[in-house]
Structures are given as C-alpha cells and as structure tokens.
Amino acid sequence: MKRFAFLIPLLGVLGCTPAEKVVKIGLLLPTNASGDIATYAKEVKNGIYLAAKRMNFRVNGRKVEFVLPQNYDGSPDNAQAALEELLKAGARVVIGPLTSDEALKIKSLVEQKGVPTFVPTATADGLTEGVEWIWRVCVTNKHMAVASAYMSKGFLNVKEVAVLFKEGDPYSEELGTYFSKWAEKNGLRVVARETFNDSDIKPKLESVVEKFTLPHESTAVFAPFYYDVSAKVIRTLRDMDYKGYVVGADGWDVEEMPKEVGKPTGENYFITHFNPYDPSSSEFTEDYMDEYNESATSFAALGYDAFLVVADVLRRARASLTNEDIKVAASRINVSGVTGEIELSDIKRDPDTKSVVMMRLSDIGFQFVRRLAISPTL
C-alpha cells in the first residue's frame, strides 16, 4: 500500500502538461465606433487576424492573444485611456491606433510607458519624430505627396499644376506643401495654391483653372483630400469642362468614391498603399476573399503587414520578452509585406524605401496602374 501511495502522486506529476507560453498583443482599434471609422477598424483587424491565422496564432513558441479596448470610440481624446486599458490587460506590444490624430495623442504616453507601438495606418509626418518606442508600417504624407508629384510630371507629362488646400485640414496642408516643394525643385510649374472651404469650392476652382496657360491636357489639379471632398472637387471641375488631370493620394482609396464622383469622371490618378489587383498581392487578396468574402483594402493590407512586422520582432527578441528586449529587436526590421518592403530601425522609423501604388480613376472605376519606388527626399 505504501508503494502505491508513493507512485500515484509521482504519476500525477509526470502527467502534468506545462502551461503554454502566451504573448498578448494590444490592438488599439475602436470597438465602439460608427461610420467610416468602424469600417476601417474592422478591415485593419481582419488583416491582423488573417496574418496571425497563417501562423496558427503562434510566434516563436508562444501563443498569440489579442486584447482590445472594451468601449473605445476612436476619439483622439479617449485614445490614452484606451492605451492604458490595453497595458492593464497585459499587452506586451501594441498595434495601432488607426488615425493620425489618435497616434499624436498617445505619443507622449507611449514614450512615458516605454511600450513598443507599431502604427499601421496613421500617415501624419510628425508622428515618429523625437520618439524611441514608435514605428510606422505605412508610408507618410510626405512620401505620398512626393510620389504624386513625381507621377504627375514623369508619367502623366504634366507641365503646370494647381495645388488645393482645405481650411482646417492638416492632411491636405501636409500633402499640398510637400507636393509644391517637390514640384518647384523639379521643373513642375505651380500656377496656383488655393485654399477653400465648404461654401466656396466652385469660385475657387474657377479661379484656379483660369490660371493655367497651357492646354488642359498638360495640366493637373492636386486635390489631396478624403474621398468625399475630393469627389466634390472632381465633379465641380468636370462640370466646368476642365479636361486636365485631377491627382490625389490615399484619401481617395475608398470604394464609394467612383459613385460619389459620377460621370463623366475624366482622367484622375492617385497614390495609395495597396490594391487588390496588384499582381504582387494576389495571394493575400485571394486568402482575404476566402476568409471574409469581401475584397481586401489598403486598411486590411496594412493591418496584415503590421502583424508581420510585430511577429518578426517578437521572433527575434530575447526569450524574456521585456519591453527593452522587444525594442532591441525592433532596431533592425526588414519585412516583405503585401504593401511593399518595410525597412525600419531605431533611427529610421518610417518605411521611406517602400513602394507605393499608382491608381487610375475613370468612367470604369478604379484601375491598378503600377507600383512606384519613390524616395520621399526633397
């Protein structure tokens, strides 16, 4: 009896299965938003989960668990509280947030807490300045503006351009300023820089068109706004019988835009991060359709790539996986994503060697044209 009494607890010990190691990744995405923000958040999350599923939700022998804020509405004023919630839930690294305004709001708290943060979709240029704990997956507003200007001169053979700004819109302010700087340095004549508001679009556009000295076919209007405003600009210009190009950036990259513009659409081109008809992205595009029964978007692709970057960093970090371990691993990042090559370091926190996508908007809708490898250097 004593012998069996000894063996039973021993067998129990031998039969124990060690608990699986877990790494928690915080997703700083709105869980209680509405409208476009809710759609964008869903797409980013879908991309992240698809990338994780491909890895069986494991990285370097650790099970991946995602934590999200419970009632975050995406408001920049609530972004810090949402980040604190993720940290209290045990997040070792954060992917997010979605918008530039949110990202700028959490910047100081990220630095104070020393939390490795990888931003998938926020494009504002000041985001990575003076920081040690933030890396960006998407290209910046400066990058897109330079690519848009290069596209206008080098591919569309534009000789004169008018640059538009919208009152109180930092997105158009950054893009328009960088576009103008590149144009001036590279022989693309800027005939006008015009700022408008919601009530004076038509007279301002009439003034702009009058300043062109060449046939419309050699001119372009740079309209760096989100899709609703850009659609109004294009529609107004076409109704004025303007035959030149209208050019934009990733704010146009929304499924509803062709319908918002209407017909005749004219010839319009923009720079963005990804397109499902890009041949280099076909495998991801097919997998995304199979998983979610909808077309992949730039938001989905950037979410996917953000997880690839985080997985690469966690794979190379020391087993102790402290914040400092993750930071050291993030000092050297080179990942082939579906949106391009992502090279980051502790010095270069924006992917400025990354390619972008050139898109056409015409009467037949969106068309993929080509990828462009453009340095954002001015």
Protein backbone atom coordinates (compact mmCIF):
# COMPACT_ATOMS: atom_id res chain seq x y z
CA MET A 1 0.00 0.00 0.00
CA LYS A 2 2.80 2.39 0.82
CA ARG A 3 4.40 1.63 -2.54
CA PHE A 4 1.24 2.55 -4.46
CA ALA A 5 0.70 5.61 -2.33
CA PHE A 6 4.12 6.78 -3.46
CA LEU A 7 3.58 6.02 -7.15
CA ILE A 8 0.18 7.70 -7.59
CA PRO A 9 1.36 11.27 -6.86
CA LEU A 10 4.51 10.64 -8.89
CA LEU A 11 2.45 9.63 -11.94
CA GLY A 12 0.32 12.71 -11.42
CA VAL A 13 3.43 14.90 -11.59
CA LEU A 14 4.71 13.12 -14.70
CA GLY A 15 1.34 13.57 -16.41
CA CYS A 16 1.19 17.35 -15.96
CA THR A 17 1.33 19.43 -19.13
CA PRO A 18 3.28 22.70 -18.79
CA ALA A 19 1.18 25.80 -19.37
CA GLU A 20 1.63 27.24 -22.87
CA LYS A 21 3.54 30.50 -23.01
CA VAL A 22 1.42 33.42 -24.16
CA VAL A 23 2.23 36.83 -25.63
CA LYS A 24 -0.54 39.43 -25.54
CA ILE A 25 -0.72 41.93 -28.38
CA GLY A 26 -2.83 45.02 -27.84
CA LEU A 27 -4.91 46.26 -30.75
CA LEU A 28 -5.57 49.95 -30.23
CA LEU A 29 -8.61 49.96 -32.51
CA PRO A 30 -12.07 51.40 -31.84
CA THR A 31 -14.55 48.77 -30.68
CA ASN A 32 -17.46 51.19 -30.29
CA ALA A 33 -17.22 53.42 -33.38
CA SER A 34 -19.62 54.05 -36.25
CA GLY A 35 -19.47 55.06 -39.90
CA ASP A 36 -16.22 55.04 -41.85
CA ILE A 37 -14.07 54.67 -38.72
CA ALA A 38 -15.84 51.45 -37.75
CA THR A 39 -15.33 50.09 -41.27
CA TYR A 40 -11.64 50.96 -41.33
CA ALA A 41 -11.11 49.42 -37.90
CA LYS A 42 -12.80 46.21 -38.96
CA GLU A 43 -10.61 45.98 -42.05
CA VAL A 44 -7.38 46.54 -40.12
CA LYS A 45 -8.43 43.94 -37.56
CA ASN A 46 -9.34 41.47 -40.29
CA GLY A 47 -5.89 41.87 -41.83
CA ILE A 48 -4.18 41.34 -38.46
CA TYR A 49 -6.20 38.22 -37.68
CA LEU A 50 -5.57 36.74 -41.14
CA ALA A 51 -1.81 37.16 -40.71
CA ALA A 52 -1.97 35.59 -37.25
CA LYS A 53 -4.10 32.71 -38.51
CA ARG A 54 -1.48 31.93 -41.15
CA MET A 55 0.98 31.47 -38.28
CA ASN A 56 -1.51 29.37 -36.30
CA PHE A 57 -1.69 32.22 -33.76
CA ARG A 58 1.82 31.41 -32.55
CA VAL A 59 5.10 33.26 -32.70
CA ASN A 60 8.38 31.72 -31.57
CA GLY A 61 6.69 29.07 -29.44
CA ARG A 62 4.28 31.50 -27.80
CA LYS A 63 0.53 31.59 -28.28
CA VAL A 64 -0.71 34.97 -29.53
CA GLU A 65 -3.64 36.51 -27.70
CA PHE A 66 -5.14 39.79 -28.83
CA VAL A 67 -6.57 42.31 -26.38
CA LEU A 68 -8.76 45.25 -27.43
CA PRO A 69 -10.26 48.18 -25.52
CA GLN A 70 -13.83 47.46 -24.48
CA ASN A 71 -15.70 50.64 -25.43
CA TYR A 72 -13.27 52.79 -27.38
CA ASP A 73 -14.99 55.06 -29.90
CA GLY A 74 -11.88 56.14 -31.81
CA SER A 75 -11.96 59.67 -30.43
CA PRO A 76 -8.43 61.11 -30.04
CA ASP A 77 -9.42 62.45 -26.61
CA ASN A 78 -10.06 58.89 -25.43
CA ALA A 79 -7.01 57.30 -27.03
CA GLN A 80 -4.76 57.49 -23.96
CA ALA A 81 -7.36 55.79 -21.75
CA ALA A 82 -7.75 53.04 -24.36
CA LEU A 83 -3.98 52.51 -24.38
CA GLU A 84 -3.89 52.32 -20.57
CA GLU A 85 -6.63 49.67 -20.75
CA LEU A 86 -4.52 47.54 -23.09
CA LEU A 87 -1.48 47.80 -20.85
CA LYS A 88 -3.50 46.78 -17.78
CA ALA A 89 -4.71 43.75 -19.76
CA GLY A 90 -1.08 42.67 -20.19
CA ALA A 91 -0.26 43.82 -23.73
CA ARG A 92 3.48 43.47 -24.41
CA VAL A 93 3.28 45.30 -27.74
CA VAL A 94 0.64 47.46 -29.40
CA ILE A 95 -0.60 47.66 -33.00
CA GLY A 96 -2.47 50.90 -33.65
CA PRO A 97 -4.05 53.33 -33.49
CA LEU A 98 -5.95 53.97 -36.70
CA THR A 99 -5.76 57.73 -37.34
CA SER A 100 -3.03 60.34 -37.14
CA ASP A 101 -4.95 62.38 -34.57
CA GLU A 102 -5.15 59.35 -32.25
CA ALA A 103 -1.50 58.49 -32.78
CA LEU A 104 -0.32 62.00 -31.96
CA LYS A 105 -2.46 61.98 -28.79
CA ILE A 106 -0.84 58.81 -27.41
CA LYS A 107 2.69 59.70 -28.44
CA SER A 108 3.79 61.08 -25.06
CA LEU A 109 2.17 58.24 -23.10
CA VAL A 110 3.83 55.61 -25.29
CA GLU A 111 7.20 57.19 -24.58
CA GLN A 112 6.46 57.53 -20.87
CA LYS A 113 5.41 53.88 -20.52
CA GLY A 114 8.03 52.52 -22.92
CA VAL A 115 5.58 50.35 -24.84
CA PRO A 116 6.63 49.10 -28.31
CA THR A 117 3.98 50.52 -30.66
CA PHE A 118 3.58 49.80 -34.37
CA VAL A 119 1.29 52.17 -36.24
CA PRO A 120 -0.36 50.62 -39.32
CA THR A 121 -2.32 53.43 -40.99
CA ALA A 122 -1.59 56.88 -39.50
CA THR A 123 0.30 58.95 -42.11
CA ALA A 124 0.98 62.32 -40.37
CA ASP A 125 4.63 63.25 -40.67
CA GLY A 126 5.41 64.33 -37.10
CA LEU A 127 4.42 61.03 -35.57
CA THR A 128 7.84 59.39 -35.36
CA GLU A 129 9.89 62.48 -34.58
CA GLY A 130 11.71 62.50 -31.23
CA VAL A 131 10.50 59.05 -30.13
CA GLU A 132 12.08 55.74 -29.13
CA TRP A 133 9.05 53.44 -28.94
CA ILE A 134 7.01 54.06 -32.11
CA TRP A 135 7.50 52.53 -35.56
CA ARG A 136 5.30 53.08 -38.61
CA VAL A 137 4.22 50.49 -41.20
CA CYS A 138 2.53 52.79 -43.77
CA VAL A 139 4.21 55.49 -45.84
CA THR A 140 3.86 59.10 -44.72
CA ASN A 141 2.00 62.07 -46.17
CA LYS A 142 5.34 63.42 -47.39
CA HIS A 143 6.08 60.14 -49.16
CA MET A 144 2.70 60.13 -50.93
CA ALA A 145 2.95 63.81 -51.89
CA VAL A 146 6.37 63.35 -53.47
CA ALA A 147 5.16 60.24 -55.30
CA SER A 148 2.07 62.15 -56.54
CA ALA A 149 4.22 64.98 -57.88
CA TYR A 150 6.67 62.56 -59.50
CA MET A 151 3.76 60.67 -61.08
CA SER A 152 2.29 63.92 -62.44
CA LYS A 153 5.50 65.01 -64.12
CA GLY A 154 7.09 61.69 -65.02
CA PHE A 155 4.09 59.55 -66.03
CA LEU A 156 1.32 61.99 -66.91
CA ASN A 157 3.65 64.52 -68.58
CA VAL A 158 2.04 67.41 -66.70
CA LYS A 159 3.72 70.81 -67.13
CA GLU A 160 1.54 73.03 -64.91
CA VAL A 161 -0.24 72.19 -61.67
CA ALA A 162 -2.55 73.90 -59.20
CA VAL A 163 -2.39 72.78 -55.56
CA LEU A 164 -5.53 72.84 -53.41
CA PHE A 165 -5.86 73.12 -49.63
CA LYS A 166 -8.93 72.94 -47.41
CA GLU A 167 -9.33 75.22 -44.40
CA GLY A 168 -8.65 73.42 -41.12
CA ASP A 169 -7.45 70.22 -42.81
CA PRO A 170 -3.93 69.19 -41.71
CA TYR A 171 -3.95 66.24 -44.13
CA SER A 172 -4.24 68.49 -47.18
CA GLU A 173 -1.84 71.01 -45.63
CA GLU A 174 0.96 68.43 -45.35
CA LEU A 175 0.38 66.83 -48.72
CA GLY A 176 -0.06 70.10 -50.57
CA THR A 177 3.05 71.64 -49.02
CA TYR A 178 5.31 68.68 -49.87
CA PHE A 179 3.83 68.36 -53.37
CA SER A 180 4.58 72.04 -54.01
CA LYS A 181 8.16 71.74 -52.73
CA TRP A 182 8.94 68.80 -54.99
CA ALA A 183 7.31 70.49 -57.99
CA GLU A 184 9.31 73.68 -57.53
CA LYS A 185 12.60 71.78 -57.30
CA ASN A 186 11.92 69.55 -60.27
CA GLY A 187 10.56 71.79 -63.00
CA LEU A 188 6.82 71.28 -62.48
CA ARG A 189 5.30 74.77 -62.55
CA VAL A 190 2.84 75.56 -59.74
CA VAL A 191 0.44 78.16 -61.12
CA ALA A 192 -1.76 78.41 -58.02
CA ARG A 193 -2.06 77.41 -54.37
CA GLU A 194 -5.68 77.84 -53.41
CA THR A 195 -7.41 77.32 -50.06
CA PHE A 196 -11.18 76.79 -50.00
CA ASN A 197 -13.95 75.98 -47.55
CA ASP A 198 -17.26 74.17 -47.91
CA SER A 199 -19.05 77.24 -49.26
CA ASP A 200 -16.68 78.49 -51.95
CA ILE A 201 -15.43 75.43 -53.83
CA LYS A 202 -16.77 76.47 -57.24
CA PRO A 203 -15.45 80.08 -57.37
CA LYS A 204 -12.04 78.97 -56.07
CA LEU A 205 -11.82 76.23 -58.70
CA GLU A 206 -12.87 78.65 -61.45
CA SER A 207 -10.04 80.93 -60.34
CA VAL A 208 -7.57 78.05 -60.41
CA VAL A 209 -8.48 76.87 -63.90
CA GLU A 210 -8.16 80.40 -65.29
CA LYS A 211 -4.51 80.49 -64.19
CA PHE A 212 -3.40 77.67 -66.45
CA THR A 213 -1.53 78.92 -69.52
CA LEU A 214 -1.24 75.58 -71.33
CA PRO A 215 -3.89 73.29 -72.84
CA HIS A 216 -5.73 71.35 -70.14
CA GLU A 217 -4.11 68.09 -71.27
CA SER A 218 -0.76 69.36 -69.93
CA THR A 219 -2.17 70.46 -66.55
CA ALA A 220 -3.29 68.90 -63.28
CA VAL A 221 -5.10 69.91 -60.12
CA PHE A 222 -3.74 68.33 -56.94
CA ALA A 223 -6.70 67.56 -54.63
CA PRO A 224 -5.25 65.88 -51.52
CA PHE A 225 -8.44 65.34 -49.52
CA TYR A 226 -10.54 62.48 -48.23
CA TYR A 227 -12.84 60.89 -50.74
CA ASP A 228 -15.99 62.94 -50.09
CA VAL A 229 -14.30 66.32 -50.55
CA SER A 230 -12.16 65.06 -53.44
CA ALA A 231 -15.29 63.76 -55.19
CA LYS A 232 -16.89 67.22 -54.96
CA VAL A 233 -13.75 68.82 -56.37
CA ILE A 234 -13.59 66.41 -59.31
CA ARG A 235 -17.30 66.72 -60.05
CA THR A 236 -17.13 70.52 -59.95
CA LEU A 237 -14.11 70.62 -62.25
CA ARG A 238 -15.69 68.26 -64.77
CA ASP A 239 -18.93 70.23 -64.76
CA MET A 240 -16.80 73.29 -65.57
CA ASP A 241 -15.46 71.35 -68.57
CA TYR A 242 -11.95 71.07 -67.16
CA LYS A 243 -10.19 68.39 -69.25
CA GLY A 244 -6.93 68.07 -67.33
CA TYR A 245 -5.89 65.57 -64.71
CA VAL A 246 -7.01 65.61 -61.09
CA VAL A 247 -4.45 63.99 -58.80
CA GLY A 248 -4.70 62.80 -55.19
CA ALA A 249 -3.46 60.43 -52.50
CA ASP A 250 -4.72 57.68 -50.20
CA GLY A 251 -7.74 59.65 -49.01
CA TRP A 252 -9.32 58.69 -52.35
CA ASP A 253 -8.89 54.97 -51.73
CA VAL A 254 -12.49 54.26 -50.74
CA GLU A 255 -14.90 52.00 -52.61
CA GLU A 256 -17.66 54.64 -52.70
CA MET A 257 -15.58 57.31 -54.44
CA PRO A 258 -16.33 56.46 -58.10
CA LYS A 259 -20.05 56.64 -57.36
CA GLU A 260 -19.59 59.92 -55.45
CA VAL A 261 -17.77 61.46 -58.42
CA GLY A 262 -20.26 60.35 -61.04
CA LYS A 263 -19.80 60.55 -64.81
CA PRO A 264 -18.14 61.79 -66.87
CA THR A 265 -15.30 61.16 -64.48
CA GLY A 266 -12.41 62.34 -66.60
CA GLU A 267 -8.82 61.22 -66.08
CA ASN A 268 -7.78 61.09 -62.43
CA TYR A 269 -4.83 59.42 -60.71
CA PHE A 270 -3.83 58.89 -57.09
CA ILE A 271 -1.15 57.32 -54.92
CA THR A 272 -2.02 54.79 -52.24
CA HIS A 273 -0.67 51.84 -50.27
CA PHE A 274 -2.22 48.76 -51.87
CA ASN A 275 -4.65 47.49 -54.48
CA PRO A 276 -6.18 44.00 -54.73
CA TYR A 277 -5.46 43.92 -58.49
CA ASP A 278 -1.72 44.41 -57.96
CA PRO A 279 -0.23 41.09 -59.21
CA SER A 280 2.33 41.09 -56.39
CA SER A 281 -0.51 40.96 -53.83
CA SER A 282 -2.58 38.20 -55.44
CA GLU A 283 -2.01 35.52 -52.79
CA PHE A 284 -3.05 37.82 -49.96
CA THR A 285 -6.02 39.09 -51.96
CA GLU A 286 -7.28 35.55 -52.59
CA ASP A 287 -6.80 34.50 -48.97
CA TYR A 288 -8.62 37.58 -47.72
CA MET A 289 -11.56 36.94 -50.03
CA ASP A 290 -11.70 33.29 -48.93
CA GLU A 291 -11.64 34.28 -45.26
CA TYR A 292 -14.03 37.25 -45.23
CA ASN A 293 -15.92 37.05 -48.54
CA GLU A 294 -15.01 40.63 -49.43
CA SER A 295 -12.24 42.42 -51.29
CA ALA A 296 -9.12 43.40 -49.42
CA THR A 297 -8.49 47.12 -48.89
CA SER A 298 -5.43 49.19 -48.02
CA PHE A 299 -6.53 49.13 -44.38
CA ALA A 300 -6.70 45.34 -44.40
CA ALA A 301 -3.33 45.03 -46.11
CA LEU A 302 -1.64 47.45 -43.69
CA GLY A 303 -3.13 45.57 -40.73
CA TYR A 304 -1.78 42.34 -42.19
CA ASP A 305 1.69 43.85 -42.66
CA ALA A 306 1.65 45.35 -39.16
CA PHE A 307 1.27 41.87 -37.70
CA LEU A 308 4.07 40.55 -39.94
CA VAL A 309 6.34 43.26 -38.54
CA VAL A 310 5.37 42.56 -34.93
CA ALA A 311 5.78 38.80 -35.43
CA ASP A 312 9.23 39.34 -36.91
CA VAL A 313 10.26 41.49 -33.94
CA LEU A 314 8.90 39.03 -31.36
CA ARG A 315 10.61 36.15 -33.14
CA ARG A 316 13.99 37.85 -32.82
CA ALA A 317 13.55 39.25 -29.30
CA ARG A 318 15.14 37.59 -26.28
CA ALA A 319 13.04 34.93 -24.57
CA SER A 320 12.45 37.14 -21.52
CA LEU A 321 10.42 39.39 -23.85
CA THR A 322 10.69 42.56 -21.80
CA ASN A 323 9.85 45.89 -23.38
CA GLU A 324 13.57 46.54 -23.76
CA ASP A 325 14.08 43.14 -25.43
CA ILE A 326 11.39 44.00 -27.97
CA LYS A 327 12.85 47.45 -28.52
CA VAL A 328 16.30 45.99 -29.24
CA ALA A 329 14.82 43.53 -31.75
CA ALA A 330 12.94 46.40 -33.42
CA SER A 331 16.21 48.23 -34.06
CA ARG A 332 16.51 46.11 -37.22
CA ILE A 333 13.37 45.35 -39.23
CA ASN A 334 13.24 44.15 -42.84
CA VAL A 335 9.91 42.55 -43.75
CA SER A 336 8.42 41.79 -47.16
CA GLY A 337 4.78 42.80 -46.80
CA VAL A 338 1.85 42.87 -49.19
CA THR A 339 2.15 46.68 -49.24
CA GLY A 340 5.89 46.57 -50.03
CA GLU A 341 9.27 46.17 -48.39
CA ILE A 342 9.23 47.52 -44.83
CA GLU A 343 12.67 48.53 -43.55
CA LEU A 344 12.76 50.12 -40.10
CA SER A 345 15.27 50.68 -37.32
CA ASP A 346 15.78 52.66 -34.13
CA ILE A 347 16.79 55.58 -36.36
CA LYS A 348 14.59 55.11 -39.43
CA ARG A 349 11.09 54.67 -38.02
CA ASP A 350 9.22 55.37 -41.28
CA PRO A 351 9.48 52.99 -44.28
CA ASP A 352 10.92 55.55 -46.70
CA THR A 353 12.25 52.93 -49.15
CA LYS A 354 8.81 51.37 -49.54
CA SER A 355 6.99 51.35 -52.89
CA VAL A 356 3.53 52.86 -53.41
CA VAL A 357 0.68 52.08 -55.79
CA MET A 358 -0.36 54.29 -58.70
CA MET A 359 -4.12 54.12 -59.36
CA ARG A 360 -6.41 55.47 -62.10
CA LEU A 361 -9.97 56.68 -61.56
CA SER A 362 -12.06 56.97 -64.73
CA ASP A 363 -15.53 56.16 -66.01
CA ILE A 364 -14.85 52.46 -65.48
CA GLY A 365 -13.91 52.97 -61.82
CA PHE A 366 -10.60 52.21 -60.12
CA GLN A 367 -7.76 50.59 -62.05
CA PHE A 368 -4.36 49.46 -60.81
CA VAL A 369 -1.62 51.04 -62.94
CA ARG A 370 1.73 50.11 -61.39
CA ARG A 371 3.94 50.23 -58.34
CA LEU A 372 6.32 53.14 -57.91
CA ALA A 373 9.51 53.08 -55.84
CA ILE A 374 9.90 56.75 -54.91
CA SER A 375 12.14 58.22 -52.22
CA PRO A 376 10.38 60.95 -50.18
CA THR A 377 13.56 63.05 -50.18
CA LEU A 378 13.04 66.71 -51.06
